[in-house]
C-alpha atoms as a PDB file:
ATOM      1  CA  MET A   1     127.173  30.771  39.612  1.00  0.00           C
ATOM      2  CA  THR A   2     130.318  32.682  39.300  1.00  0.00           C
ATOM      3  CA  GLU A   3     131.791  32.817  35.751  1.00  0.00           C
ATOM      4  CA  LEU A   4     134.726  30.426  35.573  1.00  0.00           C
ATOM      5  CA  GLN A   5     137.800  31.515  33.607  1.00  0.00           C
ATOM      6  CA  ILE A   6     141.446  31.581  33.571  1.00  0.00           C
ATOM      7  CA  ASP A   7     142.653  35.071  32.977  1.00  0.00           C
ATOM      8  CA  GLY A   8     145.258  36.081  30.237  1.00  0.00           C
ATOM      9  CA  ILE A   9     148.271  36.088  32.525  1.00  0.00           C
ATOM     10  CA  HIS A  10     147.532  32.632  33.860  1.00  0.00           C
ATOM     11  CA  GLN A  11     146.900  31.256  30.338  1.00  0.00           C
ATOM     12  CA  GLN A  12     150.175  32.708  29.063  1.00  0.00           C
ATOM     13  CA  GLN A  13     151.904  31.137  32.056  1.00  0.00           C
ATOM     14  CA  LEU A  14     150.364  27.855  31.351  1.00  0.00           C
ATOM     15  CA  SER A  15     151.146  27.911  27.656  1.00  0.00           C
ATOM     16  CA  LEU A  16     154.832  28.647  28.392  1.00  0.00           C
ATOM     17  CA  VAL A  17     155.548  25.971  31.229  1.00  0.00           C
ATOM     18  CA  GLY A  18     152.533  23.639  30.912  1.00  0.00           C
ATOM     19  CA  VAL A  19     151.270  21.518  33.708  1.00  0.00           C
ATOM     20  CA  SER A  20     152.374  18.388  35.401  1.00  0.00           C
ATOM     21  CA  ARG A  21     151.354  14.864  34.222  1.00  0.00           C
ATOM     22  CA  GLN A  22     148.984  14.666  37.273  1.00  0.00           C
ATOM     23  CA  PHE A  23     147.448  17.976  36.367  1.00  0.00           C
ATOM     24  CA  GLU A  24     147.055  16.782  32.804  1.00  0.00           C
ATOM     25  CA  GLN A  25     145.283  13.480  33.732  1.00  0.00           C
ATOM     26  CA  GLU A  26     142.928  15.284  36.173  1.00  0.00           C
ATOM     27  CA  LEU A  27     142.062  18.100  33.541  1.00  0.00           C
ATOM     28  CA  ARG A  28     141.166  15.393  31.044  1.00  0.00           C
ATOM     29  CA  CYS A  29     139.081  13.592  33.583  1.00  0.00           C
ATOM     30  CA  SER A  30     137.212  16.591  34.676  1.00  0.00           C
ATOM     31  CA  HIS A  31     136.770  17.706  31.080  1.00  0.00           C
ATOM     32  CA  ALA A  32     135.160  14.254  30.413  1.00  0.00           C
ATOM     33  CA  GLY A  33     133.206  14.428  33.414  1.00  0.00           C
ATOM     34  CA  GLU A  34     131.683  17.954  32.532  1.00  0.00           C
ATOM     35  CA  THR A  35     131.019  16.710  28.873  1.00  0.00           C
ATOM     36  CA  GLY A  36     128.983  13.789  30.363  1.00  0.00           C
ATOM     37  CA  ALA A  37     127.348  16.177  32.819  1.00  0.00           C
ATOM     38  CA  VAL A  38     126.108  18.449  29.843  1.00  0.00           C
ATOM     39  CA  TRP A  39     124.763  15.343  28.100  1.00  0.00           C
ATOM     40  CA  ILE A  40     122.923  14.195  31.106  1.00  0.00           C
ATOM     41  CA  TYR A  41     120.851  17.328  31.018  1.00  0.00           C
ATOM     42  CA  ARG A  42     120.520  17.139  27.471  1.00  0.00           C
ATOM     43  CA  GLY A  43     119.281  13.471  27.853  1.00  0.00           C
ATOM     44  CA  ILE A  44     116.560  14.893  30.350  1.00  0.00           C
ATOM     45  CA  LEU A  45     115.536  17.761  28.140  1.00  0.00           C
ATOM     46  CA  ALA A  46     115.303  15.358  25.001  1.00  0.00           C
ATOM     47  CA  THR A  47     112.313  13.738  26.974  1.00  0.00           C
ATOM     48  CA  ARG A  48     110.411  17.042  26.931  1.00  0.00           C
ATOM     49  CA  PRO A  49     109.966  17.420  30.688  1.00  0.00           C
ATOM     50  CA  ARG A  50     107.685  20.209  32.032  1.00  0.00           C
ATOM     51  CA  GLY A  51     107.233  22.398  35.012  1.00  0.00           C
ATOM     52  CA  ASP A  52     109.895  22.133  37.733  1.00  0.00           C
ATOM     53  CA  LEU A  53     111.718  19.293  36.083  1.00  0.00           C
ATOM     54  CA  LEU A  54     112.248  21.570  32.872  1.00  0.00           C
ATOM     55  CA  ALA A  55     113.451  24.472  35.035  1.00  0.00           C
ATOM     56  CA  PHE A  56     115.760  22.085  36.967  1.00  0.00           C
ATOM     57  CA  ALA A  57     117.294  20.577  33.833  1.00  0.00           C
ATOM     58  CA  THR A  58     117.572  24.005  32.034  1.00  0.00           C
ATOM     59  CA  ASP A  59     119.202  25.782  34.922  1.00  0.00           C
ATOM     60  CA  HIS A  60     121.699  22.829  35.571  1.00  0.00           C
ATOM     61  CA  LEU A  61     122.528  22.506  31.741  1.00  0.00           C
ATOM     62  CA  ALA A  62     123.506  26.237  31.898  1.00  0.00           C
ATOM     63  CA  SER A  63     125.782  25.570  34.974  1.00  0.00           C
ATOM     64  CA  GLU A  64     127.349  22.387  33.517  1.00  0.00           C
ATOM     65  CA  SER A  65     127.966  24.175  30.243  1.00  0.00           C
ATOM     66  CA  GLU A  66     130.057  26.723  32.163  1.00  0.00           C
ATOM     67  CA  HIS A  67     132.024  24.265  33.736  1.00  0.00           C
ATOM     68  CA  LEU A  68     132.771  22.657  30.312  1.00  0.00           C
ATOM     69  CA  ARG A  69     133.684  26.057  28.796  1.00  0.00           C
ATOM     70  CA  PHE A  70     136.308  26.431  31.798  1.00  0.00           C
ATOM     71  CA  PHE A  71     137.952  23.049  31.004  1.00  0.00           C
ATOM     72  CA  ASP A  72     137.717  23.738  27.239  1.00  0.00           C
ATOM     73  CA  GLN A  73     139.792  27.072  27.675  1.00  0.00           C
ATOM     74  CA  LEU A  74     142.486  24.860  29.273  1.00  0.00           C
ATOM     75  CA  ARG A  75     142.486  22.337  26.518  1.00  0.00           C
ATOM     76  CA  PHE A  76     146.020  23.433  25.364  1.00  0.00           C
ATOM     77  CA  CYS A  77     147.381  21.814  28.778  1.00  0.00           C
ATOM     78  CA  TYR A  78     145.934  18.448  28.056  1.00  0.00           C
ATOM     79  CA  ARG A  79     144.782  16.025  25.477  1.00  0.00           C
ATOM     80  CA  PRO A  80     140.971  15.441  25.783  1.00  0.00           C
ATOM     81  CA  SER A  81     139.794  11.869  26.430  1.00  0.00           C
ATOM     82  CA  LEU A  82     139.595   9.816  23.316  1.00  0.00           C
ATOM     83  CA  LEU A  83     136.458   8.469  24.688  1.00  0.00           C
ATOM     84  CA  LEU A  84     134.358  11.665  24.576  1.00  0.00           C
ATOM     85  CA  PRO A  85     131.804  10.041  22.169  1.00  0.00           C
ATOM     86  CA  LEU A  86     131.148   7.419  24.877  1.00  0.00           C
ATOM     87  CA  TRP A  87     130.929  10.029  27.765  1.00  0.00           C
ATOM     88  CA  ARG A  88     128.389  11.751  25.615  1.00  0.00           C
ATOM     89  CA  LEU A  89     126.283   8.575  25.005  1.00  0.00           C
ATOM     90  CA  ALA A  90     126.629   7.662  28.660  1.00  0.00           C
ATOM     91  CA  GLY A  91     125.706  11.055  29.894  1.00  0.00           C
ATOM     92  CA  PHE A  92     122.559  11.188  27.576  1.00  0.00           C
ATOM     93  CA  LEU A  93     121.337   7.722  28.683  1.00  0.00           C
ATOM     94  CA  THR A  94     122.074   8.807  32.331  1.00  0.00           C
ATOM     95  CA  GLY A  95     119.634  11.617  31.897  1.00  0.00           C
ATOM     96  CA  SER A  96     117.022  10.206  29.607  1.00  0.00           C
ATOM     97  CA  ILE A  97     116.558   6.823  31.258  1.00  0.00           C
ATOM     98  CA  PRO A  98     115.491   8.197  34.521  1.00  0.00           C
ATOM     99  CA  ALA A  99     113.426  11.087  32.960  1.00  0.00           C
ATOM    100  CA  LEU A 100     111.334   8.449  31.168  1.00  0.00           C
ATOM    101  CA  MET A 101     110.798   6.842  34.644  1.00  0.00           C
ATOM    102  CA  GLY A 102     109.563  10.244  36.209  1.00  0.00           C
ATOM    103  CA  LYS A 103     111.104  13.180  37.936  1.00  0.00           C
ATOM    104  CA  ASN A 104     111.844  11.400  41.140  1.00  0.00           C
ATOM    105  CA  ALA A 105     114.046   9.131  39.352  1.00  0.00           C
ATOM    106  CA  VAL A 106     115.722  12.168  37.830  1.00  0.00           C
ATOM    107  CA  PHE A 107     116.307  13.655  41.177  1.00  0.00           C
ATOM    108  CA  ALA A 108     117.680  10.428  42.621  1.00  0.00           C
ATOM    109  CA  THR A 109     120.004   9.996  39.786  1.00  0.00           C
ATOM    110  CA  ILE A 110     121.353  13.616  39.962  1.00  0.00           C
ATOM    111  CA  GLU A 111     121.902  13.164  43.636  1.00  0.00           C
ATOM    112  CA  ALA A 112     123.828  10.120  43.090  1.00  0.00           C
ATOM    113  CA  VAL A 113     125.814  11.621  40.504  1.00  0.00           C
ATOM    114  CA  GLU A 114     126.568  14.897  42.259  1.00  0.00           C
ATOM    115  CA  THR A 115     127.564  12.972  45.500  1.00  0.00           C
ATOM    116  CA  PHE A 116     130.276  11.128  43.461  1.00  0.00           C
ATOM    117  CA  VAL A 117     131.434  14.329  41.732  1.00  0.00           C
ATOM    118  CA  ASP A 118     131.613  16.337  44.955  1.00  0.00           C
ATOM    119  CA  LEU A 119     133.979  13.663  46.530  1.00  0.00           C
ATOM    120  CA  HIS A 120     135.892  13.253  43.231  1.00  0.00           C
ATOM    121  CA  TYR A 121     136.593  17.186  43.009  1.00  0.00           C
ATOM    122  CA  GLN A 122     137.610  16.975  46.754  1.00  0.00           C
ATOM    123  CA  GLN A 123     140.072  14.092  45.892  1.00  0.00           C
ATOM    124  CA  GLN A 124     141.544  16.051  42.996  1.00  0.00           C
ATOM    125  CA  ILE A 125     141.967  19.276  44.952  1.00  0.00           C
ATOM    126  CA  GLU A 126     143.646  17.414  47.824  1.00  0.00           C
ATOM    127  CA  THR A 127     145.870  15.456  45.449  1.00  0.00           C
ATOM    128  CA  LEU A 128     146.936  18.535  43.222  1.00  0.00           C
ATOM    129  CA  GLY A 129     147.058  21.122  46.069  1.00  0.00           C
ATOM    130  CA  PRO A 130     150.728  20.340  46.951  1.00  0.00           C
ATOM    131  CA  LEU A 131     151.755  20.253  43.436  1.00  0.00           C
ATOM    132  CA  ALA A 132     150.194  23.641  42.679  1.00  0.00           C
ATOM    133  CA  ARG A 133     153.313  25.735  43.134  1.00  0.00           C
ATOM    134  CA  ARG A 134     152.520  28.282  40.220  1.00  0.00           C
ATOM    135  CA  GLU A 135     149.690  30.871  40.487  1.00  0.00           C
ATOM    136  CA  SER A 136     148.238  29.465  37.178  1.00  0.00           C
ATOM    137  CA  GLU A 137     147.991  25.958  38.773  1.00  0.00           C
ATOM    138  CA  GLN A 138     146.285  27.594  41.840  1.00  0.00           C
ATOM    139  CA  ALA A 139     143.805  29.288  39.619  1.00  0.00           C
ATOM    140  CA  ILE A 140     143.026  25.821  37.987  1.00  0.00           C
ATOM    141  CA  LEU A 141     142.349  24.511  41.436  1.00  0.00           C
ATOM    142  CA  ALA A 142     140.218  27.521  42.216  1.00  0.00           C
ATOM    143  CA  GLY A 143     138.310  26.516  39.270  1.00  0.00           C
ATOM    144  CA  PHE A 144     137.942  22.947  40.485  1.00  0.00           C
ATOM    145  CA  GLU A 145     136.600  24.195  43.823  1.00  0.00           C
ATOM    146  CA  GLN A 146     134.093  26.396  42.191  1.00  0.00           C
ATOM    147  CA  CYS A 147     132.776  23.567  40.125  1.00  0.00           C
ATOM    148  CA  ARG A 148     132.663  21.527  43.121  1.00  0.00           C
ATOM    149  CA  LEU A 149     130.626  23.982  44.981  1.00  0.00           C
ATOM    150  CA  ASP A 150     128.194  24.144  42.068  1.00  0.00           C
ATOM    151  CA  GLU A 151     127.946  20.374  42.054  1.00  0.00           C
ATOM    152  CA  VAL A 152     127.262  20.326  45.803  1.00  0.00           C
ATOM    153  CA  HIS A 153     124.410  22.833  44.980  1.00  0.00           C
ATOM    154  CA  HIS A 154     123.055  20.549  42.360  1.00  0.00           C
ATOM    155  CA  ARG A 155     123.149  17.482  44.720  1.00  0.00           C
ATOM    156  CA  ASP A 156     121.401  19.378  47.382  1.00  0.00           C
ATOM    157  CA  GLU A 157     118.691  20.664  45.132  1.00  0.00           C
ATOM    158  CA  ALA A 158     117.953  17.344  43.694  1.00  0.00           C
ATOM    159  CA  GLY A 159     117.828  15.886  47.191  1.00  0.00           C
ATOM    160  CA  ARG A 160     115.319  18.453  48.302  1.00  0.00           C
ATOM    161  CA  ASN A 161     113.096  17.656  45.290  1.00  0.00           C
ATOM    162  CA  LEU A 162     112.941  13.933  45.905  1.00  0.00           C
ATOM    163  CA  SER A 163     109.436  13.256  46.883  1.00  0.00           C
ATOM    164  CA  VAL A 164     109.392   9.529  48.040  1.00  0.00           C
ATOM    165  CA  GLU A 165     112.121   7.182  49.165  1.00  0.00           C
ATOM    166  CA  ALA A 166     113.745   5.366  46.392  1.00  0.00           C
ATOM    167  CA  SER A 167     112.377   1.965  45.350  1.00  0.00           C
ATOM    168  CA  LEU A 168     114.729  -1.057  45.105  1.00  0.00           C
ATOM    169  CA  PRO A 169     115.019  -0.810  41.090  1.00  0.00           C
ATOM    170  CA  LEU A 170     115.875   2.972  41.633  1.00  0.00           C
ATOM    171  CA  LYS A 171     118.479   2.216  44.238  1.00  0.00           C
ATOM    172  CA  LEU A 172     119.915  -0.343  41.890  1.00  0.00           C
ATOM    173  CA  TRP A 173     119.986   2.223  39.165  1.00  0.00           C
ATOM    174  CA  THR A 174     121.593   4.944  41.318  1.00  0.00           C
ATOM    175  CA  GLY A 175     124.278   2.301  42.516  1.00  0.00           C
ATOM    176  CA  LEU A 176     125.012   1.497  38.787  1.00  0.00           C
ATOM    177  CA  VAL A 177     125.363   5.197  37.918  1.00  0.00           C
ATOM    178  CA  GLY A 178     127.735   5.681  40.919  1.00  0.00           C
ATOM    179  CA  ALA A 179     129.856   2.546  39.863  1.00  0.00           C
ATOM    180  CA  GLY A 180     129.725   3.763  36.284  1.00  0.00           C
ATOM    181  CA  SER A 181     131.011   7.176  37.365  1.00  0.00           C
ATOM    182  CA  LYS A 182     133.838   5.722  39.361  1.00  0.00           C
ATOM    183  CA  ALA A 183     135.051   3.593  36.450  1.00  0.00           C
ATOM    184  CA  ALA A 184     134.649   6.329  33.784  1.00  0.00           C
ATOM    185  CA  VAL A 185     136.989   8.447  36.041  1.00  0.00           C
ATOM    186  CA  GLN A 186     139.778   5.724  35.647  1.00  0.00           C
ATOM    187  CA  PHE A 187     139.386   5.443  31.977  1.00  0.00           C
ATOM    188  CA  ALA A 188     139.166   9.187  31.377  1.00  0.00           C
ATOM    189  CA  ARG A 189     142.428   9.906  33.104  1.00  0.00           C
ATOM    190  CA  LEU A 190     144.189   7.648  30.775  1.00  0.00           C
ATOM    191  CA  ILE A 191     142.314   7.240  27.467  1.00  0.00           C
END
């Protein structure tokens, strides 16, 4: 993964002129989402996995932590979600519950989450693209795209690691995770 950062020139421009309300909402939402993602992997690791699941969770935690650092360095542009404690808890449970059910449940969960996240980042980029008139805003969108590409890689890696077709309970779980992710986006934009 390429290190994500906003250089000093763009930070200075952003601190002088700020960003539009839509950019603020999407930055808040993405920060909340990446916070949740970090906690998904912390939840998986809390169950003390071994072997390929340990490597998977450790590697992806590092990637999601890099995404979170990117959004943290932009916090002067937006107010973080007031629901961050909830996003941490939801992320932890989204990681730990399937980890207790086995690695196939983890991979199915990650595939479901990252499928949603890929589409969400695409939507953000398409919505904000026409509003990104300054280089600093374009740099933010480049960061969104890098995050999206990493999430696609996570989704694809999880999909390759699935060893059996999902059972009905697992399909219900991943459906709940997808619906929860969608609802979380709406709340995080505003609260």
